[in-house]
């Protein structure tokens, strides 16, 4: 099932969970936070 996420806070939470689950790819905190803000 595909669900469109429109809530900005929910999008940020999902993005943070994914990026923090991949520390070897997104280990630089400053860059990771920039991805989350965008």
C-alpha atoms as a PDB file:
ATOM      1  CA  UNK A   1       0.000   0.000   0.000  1.00  0.00           C
ATOM      2  CA  UNK A   2       1.267   3.472  -0.863  1.00  0.00           C
ATOM      3  CA  UNK A   3       0.487   6.302   1.510  1.00  0.00           C
ATOM      4  CA  UNK A   4       1.310   9.926   0.740  1.00  0.00           C
ATOM      5  CA  UNK A   5       2.817  11.786   3.675  1.00  0.00           C
ATOM      6  CA  UNK A   6       1.899  15.471   3.715  1.00  0.00           C
ATOM      7  CA  UNK A   7       2.625  16.401   7.334  1.00  0.00           C
ATOM      8  CA  UNK A   8       6.050  18.061   7.566  1.00  0.00           C
ATOM      9  CA  UNK A   9       6.788  16.749  11.061  1.00  0.00           C
ATOM     10  CA  UNK A  10       5.905  13.203  10.063  1.00  0.00           C
ATOM     11  CA  UNK A  11       8.166  13.465   7.006  1.00  0.00           C
ATOM     12  CA  UNK A  12      11.056  14.657   9.180  1.00  0.00           C
ATOM     13  CA  UNK A  13      10.525  11.840  11.682  1.00  0.00           C
ATOM     14  CA  UNK A  14      10.514   9.214   8.931  1.00  0.00           C
ATOM     15  CA  UNK A  15      13.600  10.715   7.296  1.00  0.00           C
ATOM     16  CA  UNK A  16      15.454  10.850  10.627  1.00  0.00           C
ATOM     17  CA  UNK A  17      14.627   7.206  11.391  1.00  0.00           C
ATOM     18  CA  UNK A  18      15.898   6.054   8.003  1.00  0.00           C
ATOM     19  CA  UNK A  19      19.098   8.116   8.036  1.00  0.00           C
ATOM     20  CA  UNK A  20      19.969   7.170  11.619  1.00  0.00           C
ATOM     21  CA  UNK A  21      19.453   3.500  10.736  1.00  0.00           C
ATOM     22  CA  UNK A  22      22.239   3.836   8.137  1.00  0.00           C
ATOM     23  CA  UNK A  23      25.118   5.346  10.148  1.00  0.00           C
ATOM     24  CA  UNK A  24      27.826   4.067   7.807  1.00  0.00           C
ATOM     25  CA  UNK A  25      26.231   6.058   4.959  1.00  0.00           C
ATOM     26  CA  UNK A  26      25.076   9.118   6.906  1.00  0.00           C
ATOM     27  CA  UNK A  27      27.536   9.389   9.775  1.00  0.00           C
ATOM     28  CA  UNK A  28      28.254  13.136   9.463  1.00  0.00           C
ATOM     29  CA  UNK A  29      25.635  14.646  11.755  1.00  0.00           C
ATOM     30  CA  UNK A  30      25.651  18.094  10.117  1.00  0.00           C
ATOM     31  CA  UNK A  31      24.958  16.633   6.676  1.00  0.00           C
ATOM     32  CA  UNK A  32      22.324  14.279   8.053  1.00  0.00           C
ATOM     33  CA  UNK A  33      20.506  17.179   9.725  1.00  0.00           C
ATOM     34  CA  UNK A  34      20.585  19.112   6.452  1.00  0.00           C
ATOM     35  CA  UNK A  35      18.954  16.190   4.626  1.00  0.00           C
ATOM     36  CA  UNK A  36      16.252  16.085   7.289  1.00  0.00           C
ATOM     37  CA  UNK A  37      15.554  19.831   7.023  1.00  0.00           C
ATOM     38  CA  UNK A  38      15.216  19.597   3.246  1.00  0.00           C
END
